C-alpha atoms as a PDB file:
ATOM      1  CA  ARG A   1     -13.823  -5.513 -34.597  1.00  0.00           C
ATOM      2  CA  PHE A   2     -13.538  -6.393 -31.064  1.00  0.00           C
ATOM      3  CA  HIS A   3     -12.441  -9.862 -31.960  1.00  0.00           C
ATOM      4  CA  GLU A   4      -9.479  -8.276 -33.762  1.00  0.00           C
ATOM      5  CA  LEU A   5      -8.605  -6.039 -30.775  1.00  0.00           C
ATOM      6  CA  ASP A   6      -8.884  -9.070 -28.398  1.00  0.00           C
ATOM      7  CA  LYS A   7      -6.424 -11.012 -30.805  1.00  0.00           C
ATOM      8  CA  ARG A   8      -4.081  -7.917 -30.860  1.00  0.00           C
ATOM      9  CA  CYS A   9      -4.270  -7.803 -27.089  1.00  0.00           C
ATOM     10  CA  ARG A  10      -3.299 -11.529 -26.620  1.00  0.00           C
ATOM     11  CA  ASP A  11      -0.401 -11.107 -28.903  1.00  0.00           C
ATOM     12  CA  PHE A  12       0.759  -8.285 -26.949  1.00  0.00           C
ATOM     13  CA  GLU A  13       0.468 -10.251 -23.690  1.00  0.00           C
ATOM     14  CA  ASN A  14       2.372 -13.037 -25.231  1.00  0.00           C
ATOM     15  CA  ALA A  15       5.046 -10.585 -26.439  1.00  0.00           C
ATOM     16  CA  ASN A  16       5.164  -9.039 -23.057  1.00  0.00           C
ATOM     17  CA  ASN A  17       5.741 -12.502 -21.292  1.00  0.00           C
ATOM     18  CA  GLU A  18       8.684 -13.086 -23.614  1.00  0.00           C
ATOM     19  CA  LEU A  19      10.028  -9.900 -22.778  1.00  0.00           C
ATOM     20  CA  LYS A  20       9.771 -10.577 -19.120  1.00  0.00           C
ATOM     21  CA  GLN A  21      11.614 -14.002 -19.782  1.00  0.00           C
ATOM     22  CA  LEU A  22      14.185 -12.213 -21.619  1.00  0.00           C
ATOM     23  CA  ASN A  23      14.744  -9.679 -19.047  1.00  0.00           C
ATOM     24  CA  ILE A  24      15.129 -12.103 -16.379  1.00  0.00           C
ATOM     25  CA  GLN A  25      17.807 -13.539 -18.381  1.00  0.00           C
ATOM     26  CA  LEU A  26      19.332 -10.681 -19.029  1.00  0.00           C
ATOM     27  CA  GLU A  27      19.410  -9.501 -15.343  1.00  0.00           C
ATOM     28  CA  LYS A  28      21.012 -13.028 -14.530  1.00  0.00           C
ATOM     29  CA  ASP A  29      23.681 -12.410 -17.152  1.00  0.00           C
ATOM     30  CA  LEU A  30      24.347  -8.835 -15.918  1.00  0.00           C
ATOM     31  CA  LEU A  31      24.686 -10.168 -12.395  1.00  0.00           C
ATOM     32  CA  SER A  32      27.235 -12.664 -13.368  1.00  0.00           C
ATOM     33  CA  VAL A  33      29.144 -10.127 -15.467  1.00  0.00           C
ATOM     34  CA  GLY A  34      28.892  -7.713 -12.692  1.00  0.00           C
ATOM     35  CA  GLY A  35      30.283 -10.150 -10.185  1.00  0.00           C
ATOM     36  CA  VAL A  36      33.320 -10.798 -12.699  1.00  0.00           C
ATOM     37  CA  THR A  37      33.745  -7.133 -13.156  1.00  0.00           C
ATOM     38  CA  GLU A  38      33.617  -6.467  -9.566  1.00  0.00           C
ATOM     39  CA  LEU A  39      36.636  -9.009  -9.104  1.00  0.00           C
ATOM     40  CA  PHE A  40      38.523  -7.333 -11.733  1.00  0.00           C
ATOM     41  CA  ARG A  41      38.151  -3.899 -10.559  1.00  0.00           C
ATOM     42  CA  ARG A  42      39.296  -4.920  -6.741  1.00  0.00           C
ATOM     43  CA  GLY A  43      42.465  -5.941  -8.227  1.00  0.00           C
ATOM     44  CA  PRO A  44      45.251  -7.410  -6.140  1.00  0.00           C
ATOM     45  CA  GLU A  45      44.842  -5.080  -3.241  1.00  0.00           C
ATOM     46  CA  GLY A  46      41.259  -6.168  -2.555  1.00  0.00           C
ATOM     47  CA  GLN A  47      39.933  -2.702  -2.342  1.00  0.00           C
ATOM     48  CA  THR A  48      37.443  -0.961  -4.593  1.00  0.00           C
ATOM     49  CA  SER A  49      39.442   1.846  -6.204  1.00  0.00           C
ATOM     50  CA  ASP A  50      36.860   4.417  -7.619  1.00  0.00           C
ATOM     51  CA  SER A  51      33.624   2.878  -6.731  1.00  0.00           C
ATOM     52  CA  ASN A  52      31.353   5.184  -4.638  1.00  0.00           C
ATOM     53  CA  SER A  53      28.570   3.003  -4.327  1.00  0.00           C
ATOM     54  CA  ASN A  54      28.814   3.242  -0.620  1.00  0.00           C
END
């Protein structure tokens, strides 16, 4: 019984690690996309129009 639990726990850890890797990749992609979006939003005047980040 305990062995089964241990195996499941290890599977969970493996899945968790994979998720972390995916998350890191996703964040990188989002950063890239965010940068491009920021460029587009600035437009020709070089000023952010409706972004109230700060």
